[in-house]
Amino acid sequence: TRVMYFESNRSSAEGMLAVGTVVMNRVSDPAYPHTVCGVVGQSNQFADGVLWKPMREGRSLTLARSMADKVLHGYRHPGVGNAKFFHTEGYTFPYTNMHYTWVAGGNAFYEKY
């Protein structure tokens, strides 16, 4: 709930689902911790304060909780695919090892080769 709330456009169910899909993709990858809390709690991976900042926007919090419940029950964003990374939409990087899969909720999602 917290990572979806803080990392996506707070009014975008699609963006929240895409962020949740990245978290679960990481949970399934042996290179990352094998729990949601372990993945979300990794240093320098998600928004500063994602584990401790207060969530004050009631409507957005309700949406984030709903989307988190769906993700925890196996629902995934089909466009995100196996992406394990994202950054703010509109930023560009010169790296040749990035394959973009989807844009949602103000973020661009990508895989690394």
PDB file of N, CA and C in Angstrom:
ATOM      1  N   THR A   1       0.827  -1.194   0.000  1.00  0.00           N
ATOM      2  CA  THR A   1       0.000   0.000   0.000  1.00  0.00           C
ATOM      3  C   THR A   1       0.866   1.251   0.000  1.00  0.00           C
ATOM      4  N   ARG A   2       1.872   1.275   0.875  1.00  0.00           N
ATOM      5  CA  ARG A   2       2.685   2.475   1.034  1.00  0.00           C
ATOM      6  C   ARG A   2       3.473   2.810  -0.233  1.00  0.00           C
ATOM      7  N   VAL A   3       4.095   1.825  -0.846  1.00  0.00           N
ATOM      8  CA  VAL A   3       4.896   2.117  -2.037  1.00  0.00           C
ATOM      9  C   VAL A   3       3.998   2.543  -3.195  1.00  0.00           C
ATOM     10  N   MET A   4       2.820   1.959  -3.291  1.00  0.00           N
ATOM     11  CA  MET A   4       1.891   2.346  -4.350  1.00  0.00           C
ATOM     12  C   MET A   4       1.387   3.772  -4.112  1.00  0.00           C
ATOM     13  N   TYR A   5       1.139   4.114  -2.883  1.00  0.00           N
ATOM     14  CA  TYR A   5       0.654   5.446  -2.522  1.00  0.00           C
ATOM     15  C   TYR A   5       1.701   6.513  -2.852  1.00  0.00           C
ATOM     16  N   PHE A   6       2.945   6.270  -2.475  1.00  0.00           N
ATOM     17  CA  PHE A   6       3.981   7.290  -2.623  1.00  0.00           C
ATOM     18  C   PHE A   6       4.669   7.308  -3.984  1.00  0.00           C
ATOM     19  N   GLU A   7       4.634   6.214  -4.722  1.00  0.00           N
ATOM     20  CA  GLU A   7       5.388   6.149  -5.973  1.00  0.00           C
ATOM     21  C   GLU A   7       4.555   6.358  -7.233  1.00  0.00           C
ATOM     22  N   SER A   8       3.248   6.417  -7.123  1.00  0.00           N
ATOM     23  CA  SER A   8       2.435   6.594  -8.329  1.00  0.00           C
ATOM     24  C   SER A   8       1.612   7.860  -8.214  1.00  0.00           C
ATOM     25  N   ASN A   9       1.048   8.257  -9.317  1.00  0.00           N
ATOM     26  CA  ASN A   9       0.097   9.359  -9.289  1.00  0.00           C
ATOM     27  C   ASN A   9      -1.036   8.908  -8.378  1.00  0.00           C
ATOM     28  N   ARG A  10      -1.250   9.595  -7.315  1.00  0.00           N
ATOM     29  CA  ARG A  10      -2.171   9.119  -6.278  1.00  0.00           C
ATOM     30  C   ARG A  10      -3.615   8.965  -6.730  1.00  0.00           C
ATOM     31  N   SER A  11      -3.931   9.402  -7.910  1.00  0.00           N
ATOM     32  CA  SER A  11      -5.300   9.223  -8.386  1.00  0.00           C
ATOM     33  C   SER A  11      -5.380   8.154  -9.469  1.00  0.00           C
ATOM     34  N   SER A  12      -4.284   7.468  -9.735  1.00  0.00           N
ATOM     35  CA  SER A  12      -4.216   6.522 -10.840  1.00  0.00           C
ATOM     36  C   SER A  12      -4.156   5.075 -10.355  1.00  0.00           C
ATOM     37  N   ALA A  13      -5.264   4.359 -10.510  1.00  0.00           N
ATOM     38  CA  ALA A  13      -5.272   2.936 -10.170  1.00  0.00           C
ATOM     39  C   ALA A  13      -4.276   2.177 -11.044  1.00  0.00           C
ATOM     40  N   GLU A  14      -4.198   2.553 -12.317  1.00  0.00           N
ATOM     41  CA  GLU A  14      -3.272   1.887 -13.227  1.00  0.00           C
ATOM     42  C   GLU A  14      -1.819   2.086 -12.776  1.00  0.00           C
ATOM     43  N   GLY A  15      -1.480   3.311 -12.379  1.00  0.00           N
ATOM     44  CA  GLY A  15      -0.128   3.585 -11.905  1.00  0.00           C
ATOM     45  C   GLY A  15       0.204   2.811 -10.641  1.00  0.00           C
ATOM     46  N   MET A  16      -0.752   2.729  -9.741  1.00  0.00           N
ATOM     47  CA  MET A  16      -0.540   1.962  -8.502  1.00  0.00           C
ATOM     48  C   MET A  16      -0.342   0.487  -8.810  1.00  0.00           C
ATOM     49  N   LEU A  17      -1.158  -0.044  -9.700  1.00  0.00           N
ATOM     50  CA  LEU A  17      -1.029  -1.446 -10.083  1.00  0.00           C
ATOM     51  C   LEU A  17       0.333  -1.698 -10.734  1.00  0.00           C
ATOM     52  N   ALA A  18       0.794  -0.779 -11.557  1.00  0.00           N
ATOM     53  CA  ALA A  18       2.095  -0.937 -12.213  1.00  0.00           C
ATOM     54  C   ALA A  18       3.224  -0.952 -11.182  1.00  0.00           C
ATOM     55  N   VAL A  19       3.176  -0.054 -10.205  1.00  0.00           N
ATOM     56  CA  VAL A  19       4.196  -0.038  -9.138  1.00  0.00           C
ATOM     57  C   VAL A  19       4.134  -1.341  -8.344  1.00  0.00           C
ATOM     58  N   GLY A  20       2.948  -1.780  -8.003  1.00  0.00           N
ATOM     59  CA  GLY A  20       2.799  -3.037  -7.269  1.00  0.00           C
ATOM     60  C   GLY A  20       3.330  -4.225  -8.049  1.00  0.00           C
ATOM     61  N   THR A  21       3.167  -4.196  -9.350  1.00  0.00           N
ATOM     62  CA  THR A  21       3.681  -5.269 -10.201  1.00  0.00           C
ATOM     63  C   THR A  21       5.203  -5.311 -10.147  1.00  0.00           C
ATOM     64  N   VAL A  22       5.850  -4.149 -10.169  1.00  0.00           N
ATOM     65  CA  VAL A  22       7.311  -4.101 -10.052  1.00  0.00           C
ATOM     66  C   VAL A  22       7.759  -4.698  -8.719  1.00  0.00           C
ATOM     67  N   VAL A  23       7.084  -4.338  -7.648  1.00  0.00           N
ATOM     68  CA  VAL A  23       7.440  -4.889  -6.328  1.00  0.00           C
ATOM     69  C   VAL A  23       7.339  -6.409  -6.357  1.00  0.00           C
ATOM     70  N   MET A  24       6.250  -6.937  -6.890  1.00  0.00           N
ATOM     71  CA  MET A  24       6.084  -8.390  -6.904  1.00  0.00           C
ATOM     72  C   MET A  24       7.056  -9.064  -7.870  1.00  0.00           C
ATOM     73  N   ASN A  25       7.411  -8.385  -8.965  1.00  0.00           N
ATOM     74  CA  ASN A  25       8.440  -8.924  -9.856  1.00  0.00           C
ATOM     75  C   ASN A  25       9.758  -9.070  -9.110  1.00  0.00           C
ATOM     76  N   ARG A  26      10.062  -8.118  -8.271  1.00  0.00           N
ATOM     77  CA  ARG A  26      11.297  -8.195  -7.481  1.00  0.00           C
ATOM     78  C   ARG A  26      11.201  -9.295  -6.429  1.00  0.00           C
ATOM     79  N   VAL A  27      10.069  -9.426  -5.783  1.00  0.00           N
ATOM     80  CA  VAL A  27       9.896 -10.482  -4.776  1.00  0.00           C
ATOM     81  C   VAL A  27      10.151 -11.852  -5.409  1.00  0.00           C
ATOM     82  N   SER A  28       9.758 -12.031  -6.660  1.00  0.00           N
ATOM     83  CA  SER A  28       9.923 -13.312  -7.356  1.00  0.00           C
ATOM     84  C   SER A  28      11.329 -13.533  -7.896  1.00  0.00           C
ATOM     85  N   ASP A  29      12.168 -12.514  -7.882  1.00  0.00           N
ATOM     86  CA  ASP A  29      13.517 -12.597  -8.426  1.00  0.00           C
ATOM     87  C   ASP A  29      14.509 -12.923  -7.304  1.00  0.00           C
ATOM     88  N   PRO A  30      15.331 -13.962  -7.472  1.00  0.00           N
ATOM     89  CA  PRO A  30      16.286 -14.342  -6.424  1.00  0.00           C
ATOM     90  C   PRO A  30      17.304 -13.254  -6.068  1.00  0.00           C
ATOM     91  N   ALA A  31      17.468 -12.250  -6.922  1.00  0.00           N
ATOM     92  CA  ALA A  31      18.422 -11.169  -6.660  1.00  0.00           C
ATOM     93  C   ALA A  31      17.898 -10.165  -5.629  1.00  0.00           C
ATOM     94  N   TYR A  32      16.633 -10.275  -5.266  1.00  0.00           N
ATOM     95  CA  TYR A  32      15.996  -9.321  -4.340  1.00  0.00           C
ATOM     96  C   TYR A  32      15.465 -10.057  -3.123  1.00  0.00           C
ATOM     97  N   PRO A  33      15.150  -9.310  -2.065  1.00  0.00           N
ATOM     98  CA  PRO A  33      14.518  -9.958  -0.905  1.00  0.00           C
ATOM     99  C   PRO A  33      13.231 -10.670  -1.326  1.00  0.00           C
ATOM    100  N   HIS A  34      12.842 -11.682  -0.592  1.00  0.00           N
ATOM    101  CA  HIS A  34      11.702 -12.509  -0.983  1.00  0.00           C
ATOM    102  C   HIS A  34      10.406 -12.139  -0.276  1.00  0.00           C
ATOM    103  N   THR A  35      10.356 -10.921   0.280  1.00  0.00           N
ATOM    104  CA  THR A  35       9.117 -10.438   0.892  1.00  0.00           C
ATOM    105  C   THR A  35       8.840  -9.028   0.385  1.00  0.00           C
ATOM    106  N   VAL A  36       7.578  -8.637   0.428  1.00  0.00           N
ATOM    107  CA  VAL A  36       7.197  -7.288   0.015  1.00  0.00           C
ATOM    108  C   VAL A  36       7.912  -6.262   0.884  1.00  0.00           C
ATOM    109  N   CYS A  37       7.895  -6.454   2.194  1.00  0.00           N
ATOM    110  CA  CYS A  37       8.552  -5.500   3.095  1.00  0.00           C
ATOM    111  C   CYS A  37      10.049  -5.438   2.834  1.00  0.00           C
ATOM    112  N   GLY A  38      10.663  -6.572   2.533  1.00  0.00           N
ATOM    113  CA  GLY A  38      12.085  -6.596   2.233  1.00  0.00           C
ATOM    114  C   GLY A  38      12.414  -5.800   0.984  1.00  0.00           C
ATOM    115  N   VAL A  39      11.598  -5.960  -0.048  1.00  0.00           N
ATOM    116  CA  VAL A  39      11.810  -5.223  -1.295  1.00  0.00           C
ATOM    117  C   VAL A  39      11.576  -3.732  -1.084  1.00  0.00           C
ATOM    118  N   VAL A  40      10.450  -3.383  -0.481  1.00  0.00           N
ATOM    119  CA  VAL A  40      10.112  -1.965  -0.292  1.00  0.00           C
ATOM    120  C   VAL A  40      11.104  -1.282   0.648  1.00  0.00           C
ATOM    121  N   GLY A  41      11.654  -2.016   1.590  1.00  0.00           N
ATOM    122  CA  GLY A  41      12.578  -1.441   2.556  1.00  0.00           C
ATOM    123  C   GLY A  41      14.017  -1.336   2.088  1.00  0.00           C
ATOM    124  N   GLN A  42      14.336  -1.789   0.881  1.00  0.00           N
ATOM    125  CA  GLN A  42      15.710  -1.683   0.402  1.00  0.00           C
ATOM    126  C   GLN A  42      16.117  -0.221   0.266  1.00  0.00           C
ATOM    127  N   SER A  43      17.330   0.067   0.660  1.00  0.00           N
ATOM    128  CA  SER A  43      17.837   1.440   0.596  1.00  0.00           C
ATOM    129  C   SER A  43      17.875   1.968  -0.824  1.00  0.00           C
ATOM    130  N   ASN A  44      17.505   3.217  -0.981  1.00  0.00           N
ATOM    131  CA  ASN A  44      17.610   3.957  -2.244  1.00  0.00           C
ATOM    132  C   ASN A  44      16.872   3.323  -3.421  1.00  0.00           C
ATOM    133  N   GLN A  45      15.798   2.599  -3.163  1.00  0.00           N
ATOM    134  CA  GLN A  45      15.048   1.973  -4.245  1.00  0.00           C
ATOM    135  C   GLN A  45      13.715   2.656  -4.503  1.00  0.00           C
ATOM    136  N   PHE A  46      13.103   3.167  -3.455  1.00  0.00           N
ATOM    137  CA  PHE A  46      11.793   3.794  -3.587  1.00  0.00           C
ATOM    138  C   PHE A  46      11.809   5.159  -2.913  1.00  0.00           C
ATOM    139  N   ALA A  47      10.702   5.853  -2.998  1.00  0.00           N
ATOM    140  CA  ALA A  47      10.608   7.226  -2.488  1.00  0.00           C
ATOM    141  C   ALA A  47      11.095   7.330  -1.044  1.00  0.00           C
ATOM    142  N   ASP A  48      11.819   8.400  -0.768  1.00  0.00           N
ATOM    143  CA  ASP A  48      12.294   8.659   0.587  1.00  0.00           C
ATOM    144  C   ASP A  48      11.101   8.726   1.536  1.00  0.00           C
ATOM    145  N   GLY A  49      11.169   7.983   2.605  1.00  0.00           N
ATOM    146  CA  GLY A  49      10.105   8.005   3.603  1.00  0.00           C
ATOM    147  C   GLY A  49       8.953   7.076   3.311  1.00  0.00           C
ATOM    148  N   VAL A  50       9.084   6.210   2.295  1.00  0.00           N
ATOM    149  CA  VAL A  50       7.975   5.339   1.918  1.00  0.00           C
ATOM    150  C   VAL A  50       7.508   4.475   3.092  1.00  0.00           C
ATOM    151  N   LEU A  51       8.393   4.151   4.006  1.00  0.00           N
ATOM    152  CA  LEU A  51       7.999   3.298   5.136  1.00  0.00           C
ATOM    153  C   LEU A  51       7.564   4.069   6.374  1.00  0.00           C
ATOM    154  N   TRP A  52       7.731   5.391   6.381  1.00  0.00           N
ATOM    155  CA  TRP A  52       7.396   6.106   7.612  1.00  0.00           C
ATOM    156  C   TRP A  52       6.560   7.373   7.433  1.00  0.00           C
ATOM    157  N   LYS A  53       6.538   7.951   6.258  1.00  0.00           N
ATOM    158  CA  LYS A  53       5.754   9.178   6.075  1.00  0.00           C
ATOM    159  C   LYS A  53       4.262   8.891   6.265  1.00  0.00           C
ATOM    160  N   PRO A  54       3.525   9.841   6.816  1.00  0.00           N
ATOM    161  CA  PRO A  54       2.087   9.630   6.971  1.00  0.00           C
ATOM    162  C   PRO A  54       1.371   9.694   5.620  1.00  0.00           C
ATOM    163  N   MET A  55       0.355   8.883   5.495  1.00  0.00           N
ATOM    164  CA  MET A  55      -0.479   8.878   4.289  1.00  0.00           C
ATOM    165  C   MET A  55      -1.760   9.624   4.651  1.00  0.00           C
ATOM    166  N   ARG A  56      -1.889  10.853   4.182  1.00  0.00           N
ATOM    167  CA  ARG A  56      -2.964  11.730   4.637  1.00  0.00           C
ATOM    168  C   ARG A  56      -4.125  11.885   3.666  1.00  0.00           C
ATOM    169  N   GLU A  57      -3.925  11.521   2.435  1.00  0.00           N
ATOM    170  CA  GLU A  57      -4.975  11.698   1.434  1.00  0.00           C
ATOM    171  C   GLU A  57      -5.910  10.491   1.471  1.00  0.00           C
ATOM    172  N   GLY A  58      -7.056  10.649   2.093  1.00  0.00           N
ATOM    173  CA  GLY A  58      -7.978   9.546   2.321  1.00  0.00           C
ATOM    174  C   GLY A  58      -8.406   8.796   1.076  1.00  0.00           C
ATOM    175  N   ARG A  59      -8.799   9.524   0.042  1.00  0.00           N
ATOM    176  CA  ARG A  59      -9.253   8.867  -1.189  1.00  0.00           C
ATOM    177  C   ARG A  59      -8.114   8.087  -1.831  1.00  0.00           C
ATOM    178  N   SER A  60      -6.928   8.676  -1.849  1.00  0.00           N
ATOM    179  CA  SER A  60      -5.766   8.004  -2.433  1.00  0.00           C
ATOM    180  C   SER A  60      -5.361   6.791  -1.614  1.00  0.00           C
ATOM    181  N   LEU A  61      -5.459   6.902  -0.304  1.00  0.00           N
ATOM    182  CA  LEU A  61      -5.118   5.781   0.565  1.00  0.00           C
ATOM    183  C   LEU A  61      -6.091   4.625   0.347  1.00  0.00           C
ATOM    184  N   THR A  62      -7.358   4.934   0.223  1.00  0.00           N
ATOM    185  CA  THR A  62      -8.354   3.895  -0.035  1.00  0.00           C
ATOM    186  C   THR A  62      -8.060   3.186  -1.352  1.00  0.00           C
ATOM    187  N   LEU A  63      -7.730   3.956  -2.382  1.00  0.00           N
ATOM    188  CA  LEU A  63      -7.394   3.380  -3.678  1.00  0.00           C
ATOM    189  C   LEU A  63      -6.131   2.521  -3.577  1.00  0.00           C
ATOM    190  N   ALA A  64      -5.117   3.011  -2.882  1.00  0.00           N
ATOM    191  CA  ALA A  64      -3.868   2.255  -2.731  1.00  0.00           C
ATOM    192  C   ALA A  64      -4.119   0.943  -1.993  1.00  0.00           C
ATOM    193  N   ARG A  65      -4.920   0.973  -0.962  1.00  0.00           N
ATOM    194  CA  ARG A  65      -5.238  -0.263  -0.222  1.00  0.00           C
ATOM    195  C   ARG A  65      -5.961  -1.261  -1.120  1.00  0.00           C
ATOM    196  N   SER A  66      -6.886  -0.768  -1.910  1.00  0.00           N
ATOM    197  CA  SER A  66      -7.632  -1.632  -2.811  1.00  0.00           C
ATOM    198  C   SER A  66      -6.710  -2.264  -3.851  1.00  0.00           C
ATOM    199  N   MET A  67      -5.832  -1.460  -4.425  1.00  0.00           N
ATOM    200  CA  MET A  67      -4.912  -1.980  -5.442  1.00  0.00           C
ATOM    201  C   MET A  67      -3.890  -2.936  -4.822  1.00  0.00           C
ATOM    202  N   ALA A  68      -3.425  -2.640  -3.624  1.00  0.00           N
ATOM    203  CA  ALA A  68      -2.478  -3.532  -2.947  1.00  0.00           C
ATOM    204  C   ALA A  68      -3.123  -4.891  -2.681  1.00  0.00           C
ATOM    205  N   ASP A  69      -4.380  -4.886  -2.295  1.00  0.00           N
ATOM    206  CA  ASP A  69      -5.092  -6.139  -2.059  1.00  0.00           C
ATOM    207  C   ASP A  69      -5.146  -6.958  -3.351  1.00  0.00           C
ATOM    208  N   LYS A  70      -5.408  -6.300  -4.466  1.00  0.00           N
ATOM    209  CA  LYS A  70      -5.446  -6.997  -5.752  1.00  0.00           C
ATOM    210  C   LYS A  70      -4.087  -7.592  -6.102  1.00  0.00           C
ATOM    211  N   VAL A  71      -3.032  -6.803  -5.898  1.00  0.00           N
ATOM    212  CA  VAL A  71      -1.681  -7.277  -6.206  1.00  0.00           C
ATOM    213  C   VAL A  71      -1.313  -8.463  -5.327  1.00  0.00           C
ATOM    214  N   LEU A  72      -1.627  -8.385  -4.050  1.00  0.00           N
ATOM    215  CA  LEU A  72      -1.304  -9.487  -3.138  1.00  0.00           C
ATOM    216  C   LEU A  72      -2.105 -10.753  -3.448  1.00  0.00           C
ATOM    217  N   HIS A  73      -3.194 -10.589  -4.184  1.00  0.00           N
ATOM    218  CA  HIS A  73      -3.988 -11.748  -4.603  1.00  0.00           C
ATOM    219  C   HIS A  73      -3.687 -12.162  -6.043  1.00  0.00           C
ATOM    220  N   GLY A  74      -2.559 -11.698  -6.589  1.00  0.00           N
ATOM    221  CA  GLY A  74      -2.080 -12.185  -7.871  1.00  0.00           C
ATOM    222  C   GLY A  74      -2.361 -11.328  -9.089  1.00  0.00           C
ATOM    223  N   TYR A  75      -3.070 -10.230  -8.936  1.00  0.00           N
ATOM    224  CA  TYR A  75      -3.370  -9.369 -10.083  1.00  0.00           C
ATOM    225  C   TYR A  75      -2.122  -8.579 -10.464  1.00  0.00           C
ATOM    226  N   ARG A  76      -1.798  -8.517 -11.763  1.00  0.00           N
ATOM    227  CA  ARG A  76      -0.621  -7.803 -12.246  1.00  0.00           C
ATOM    228  C   ARG A  76      -0.995  -6.911 -13.419  1.00  0.00           C
ATOM    229  N   HIS A  77      -0.201  -5.872 -13.617  1.00  0.00           N
ATOM    230  CA  HIS A  77      -0.407  -5.001 -14.769  1.00  0.00           C
ATOM    231  C   HIS A  77       0.194  -5.701 -15.979  1.00  0.00           C
ATOM    232  N   PRO A  78      -0.609  -6.031 -16.993  1.00  0.00           N
ATOM    233  CA  PRO A  78      -0.076  -6.788 -18.129  1.00  0.00           C
ATOM    234  C   PRO A  78       0.969  -6.032 -18.952  1.00  0.00           C
ATOM    235  N   GLY A  79       0.894  -4.724 -19.001  1.00  0.00           N
ATOM    236  CA  GLY A  79       1.853  -3.958 -19.788  1.00  0.00           C
ATOM    237  C   GLY A  79       3.227  -3.863 -19.163  1.00  0.00           C
ATOM    238  N   VAL A  80       3.305  -3.989 -17.856  1.00  0.00           N
ATOM    239  CA  VAL A  80       4.586  -3.872 -17.152  1.00  0.00           C
ATOM    240  C   VAL A  80       5.461  -5.085 -17.427  1.00  0.00           C
ATOM    241  N   GLY A  81       4.849  -6.230 -17.642  1.00  0.00           N
ATOM    242  CA  GLY A  81       5.612  -7.440 -17.920  1.00  0.00           C
ATOM    243  C   GLY A  81       6.536  -7.796 -16.770  1.00  0.00           C
ATOM    244  N   ASN A  82       7.798  -8.059 -17.080  1.00  0.00           N
ATOM    245  CA  ASN A  82       8.782  -8.457 -16.069  1.00  0.00           C
ATOM    246  C   ASN A  82       9.627  -7.288 -15.565  1.00  0.00           C
ATOM    247  N   ALA A  83       9.206  -6.075 -15.842  1.00  0.00           N
ATOM    248  CA  ALA A  83       9.983  -4.903 -15.418  1.00  0.00           C
ATOM    249  C   ALA A  83      10.185  -4.893 -13.910  1.00  0.00           C
ATOM    250  N   LYS A  84      11.390  -4.535 -13.510  1.00  0.00           N
ATOM    251  CA  LYS A  84      11.722  -4.437 -12.094  1.00  0.00           C
ATOM    252  C   LYS A  84      12.172  -3.024 -11.716  1.00  0.00           C
ATOM    253  N   PHE A  85      12.027  -2.103 -12.669  1.00  0.00           N
ATOM    254  CA  PHE A  85      12.499  -0.741 -12.456  1.00  0.00           C
ATOM    255  C   PHE A  85      11.520   0.261 -13.046  1.00  0.00           C
ATOM    256  N   PHE A  86      11.560   1.470 -12.510  1.00  0.00           N
ATOM    257  CA  PHE A  86      10.811   2.571 -13.092  1.00  0.00           C
ATOM    258  C   PHE A  86      11.438   3.876 -12.652  1.00  0.00           C
ATOM    259  N   HIS A  87      11.143   4.913 -13.402  1.00  0.00           N
ATOM    260  CA  HIS A  87      11.569   6.262 -13.027  1.00  0.00           C
ATOM    261  C   HIS A  87      10.473   7.223 -13.463  1.00  0.00           C
ATOM    262  N   THR A  88      10.583   8.452 -13.057  1.00  0.00           N
ATOM    263  CA  THR A  88       9.586   9.454 -13.387  1.00  0.00           C
ATOM    264  C   THR A  88       9.449   9.590 -14.898  1.00  0.00           C
ATOM    265  N   GLU A  89       8.220   9.581 -15.360  1.00  0.00           N
ATOM    266  CA  GLU A  89       7.940   9.748 -16.782  1.00  0.00           C
ATOM    267  C   GLU A  89       8.516  11.076 -17.255  1.00  0.00           C
ATOM    268  N   GLY A  90       9.073  11.077 -18.446  1.00  0.00           N
ATOM    269  CA  GLY A  90       9.624  12.295 -19.028  1.00  0.00           C
ATOM    270  C   GLY A  90      11.125  12.409 -18.873  1.00  0.00           C
ATOM    271  N   TYR A  91      11.705  11.696 -17.924  1.00  0.00           N
ATOM    272  CA  TYR A  91      13.162  11.680 -17.809  1.00  0.00           C
ATOM    273  C   TYR A  91      13.717  10.783 -18.902  1.00  0.00           C
ATOM    274  N   THR A  92      14.904  11.090 -19.374  1.00  0.00           N
ATOM    275  CA  THR A  92      15.567  10.224 -20.338  1.00  0.00           C
ATOM    276  C   THR A  92      16.977   9.937 -19.854  1.00  0.00           C
ATOM    277  N   PHE A  93      17.461   8.774 -20.219  1.00  0.00           N
ATOM    278  CA  PHE A  93      18.791   8.353 -19.821  1.00  0.00           C
ATOM    279  C   PHE A  93      19.500   7.779 -21.040  1.00  0.00           C
ATOM    280  N   PRO A  94      20.815   7.938 -21.138  1.00  0.00           N
ATOM    281  CA  PRO A  94      21.549   7.488 -22.323  1.00  0.00           C
ATOM    282  C   PRO A  94      21.927   6.009 -22.297  1.00  0.00           C
ATOM    283  N   TYR A  95      21.463   5.257 -21.323  1.00  0.00           N
ATOM    284  CA  TYR A  95      21.870   3.855 -21.198  1.00  0.00           C
ATOM    285  C   TYR A  95      21.274   3.002 -22.311  1.00  0.00           C
ATOM    286  N   THR A  96      22.037   2.036 -22.773  1.00  0.00           N
ATOM    287  CA  THR A  96      21.568   1.151 -23.843  1.00  0.00           C
ATOM    288  C   THR A  96      21.029  -0.166 -23.297  1.00  0.00           C
ATOM    289  N   ASN A  97      21.027  -0.335 -21.980  1.00  0.00           N
ATOM    290  CA  ASN A  97      20.573  -1.596 -21.403  1.00  0.00           C
ATOM    291  C   ASN A  97      19.152  -1.518 -20.833  1.00  0.00           C
ATOM    292  N   MET A  98      18.363  -0.533 -21.274  1.00  0.00           N
ATOM    293  CA  MET A  98      17.008  -0.348 -20.755  1.00  0.00           C
ATOM    294  C   MET A  98      15.987  -0.620 -21.859  1.00  0.00           C
ATOM    295  N   HIS A  99      15.005  -1.438 -21.544  1.00  0.00           N
ATOM    296  CA  HIS A  99      13.901  -1.703 -22.471  1.00  0.00           C
ATOM    297  C   HIS A  99      12.609  -1.278 -21.771  1.00  0.00           C
ATOM    298  N   TYR A 100      11.979  -0.215 -22.275  1.00  0.00           N
ATOM    299  CA  TYR A 100      10.762   0.296 -21.658  1.00  0.00           C
ATOM    300  C   TYR A 100       9.566  -0.583 -22.008  1.00  0.00           C
ATOM    301  N   THR A 101       8.735  -0.837 -21.011  1.00  0.00           N
ATOM    302  CA  THR A 101       7.582  -1.703 -21.211  1.00  0.00           C
ATOM    303  C   THR A 101       6.249  -0.962 -21.117  1.00  0.00           C
ATOM    304  N   TRP A 102       6.176   0.102 -20.286  1.00  0.00           N
ATOM    305  CA  TRP A 102       4.895   0.766 -20.071  1.00  0.00           C
ATOM    306  C   TRP A 102       5.104   2.121 -19.411  1.00  0.00           C
ATOM    307  N   VAL A 103       4.133   2.997 -19.563  1.00  0.00           N
ATOM    308  CA  VAL A 103       4.102   4.279 -18.858  1.00  0.00           C
ATOM    309  C   VAL A 103       2.738   4.379 -18.187  1.00  0.00           C
ATOM    310  N   ALA A 104       2.740   4.653 -16.885  1.00  0.00           N
ATOM    311  CA  ALA A 104       1.477   4.786 -16.141  1.00  0.00           C
ATOM    312  C   ALA A 104       1.726   5.520 -14.835  1.00  0.00           C
ATOM    313  N   GLY A 105       0.752   6.287 -14.398  1.00  0.00           N
ATOM    314  CA  GLY A 105       0.828   6.932 -13.088  1.00  0.00           C
ATOM    315  C   GLY A 105       2.011   7.862 -12.926  1.00  0.00           C
ATOM    316  N   GLY A 106       2.487   8.440 -14.016  1.00  0.00           N
ATOM    317  CA  GLY A 106       3.617   9.356 -13.940  1.00  0.00           C
ATOM    318  C   GLY A 106       4.974   8.686 -13.942  1.00  0.00           C
ATOM    319  N   ASN A 107       5.015   7.375 -14.199  1.00  0.00           N
ATOM    320  CA  ASN A 107       6.267   6.627 -14.209  1.00  0.00           C
ATOM    321  C   ASN A 107       6.444   5.872 -15.520  1.00  0.00           C
ATOM    322  N   ALA A 108       7.711   5.671 -15.906  1.00  0.00           N
ATOM    323  CA  ALA A 108       8.069   4.828 -17.049  1.00  0.00           C
ATOM    324  C   ALA A 108       8.710   3.561 -16.492  1.00  0.00           C
ATOM    325  N   PHE A 109       8.195   2.416 -16.886  1.00  0.00           N
ATOM    326  CA  PHE A 109       8.633   1.122 -16.374  1.00  0.00           C
ATOM    327  C   PHE A 109       9.554   0.462 -17.386  1.00  0.00           C
ATOM    328  N   TYR A 110      10.610  -0.187 -16.880  1.00  0.00           N
ATOM    329  CA  TYR A 110      11.573  -0.775 -17.808  1.00  0.00           C
ATOM    330  C   TYR A 110      12.262  -2.004 -17.225  1.00  0.00           C
ATOM    331  N   GLU A 111      12.780  -2.793 -18.157  1.00  0.00           N
ATOM    332  CA  GLU A 111      13.610  -3.954 -17.840  1.00  0.00           C
ATOM    333  C   GLU A 111      15.050  -3.586 -18.163  1.00  0.00           C
ATOM    334  N   LYS A 112      15.982  -4.247 -17.522  1.00  0.00           N
ATOM    335  CA  LYS A 112      17.393  -4.088 -17.863  1.00  0.00           C
ATOM    336  C   LYS A 112      17.859  -5.355 -18.557  1.00  0.00           C
ATOM    337  N   TYR A 113      18.725  -5.176 -19.571  1.00  0.00           N
ATOM    338  CA  TYR A 113      19.287  -6.340 -20.277  1.00  0.00           C
ATOM    339  C   TYR A 113      20.451  -6.872 -19.506  1.00  0.00           C
TER     340      TYR A 113
END
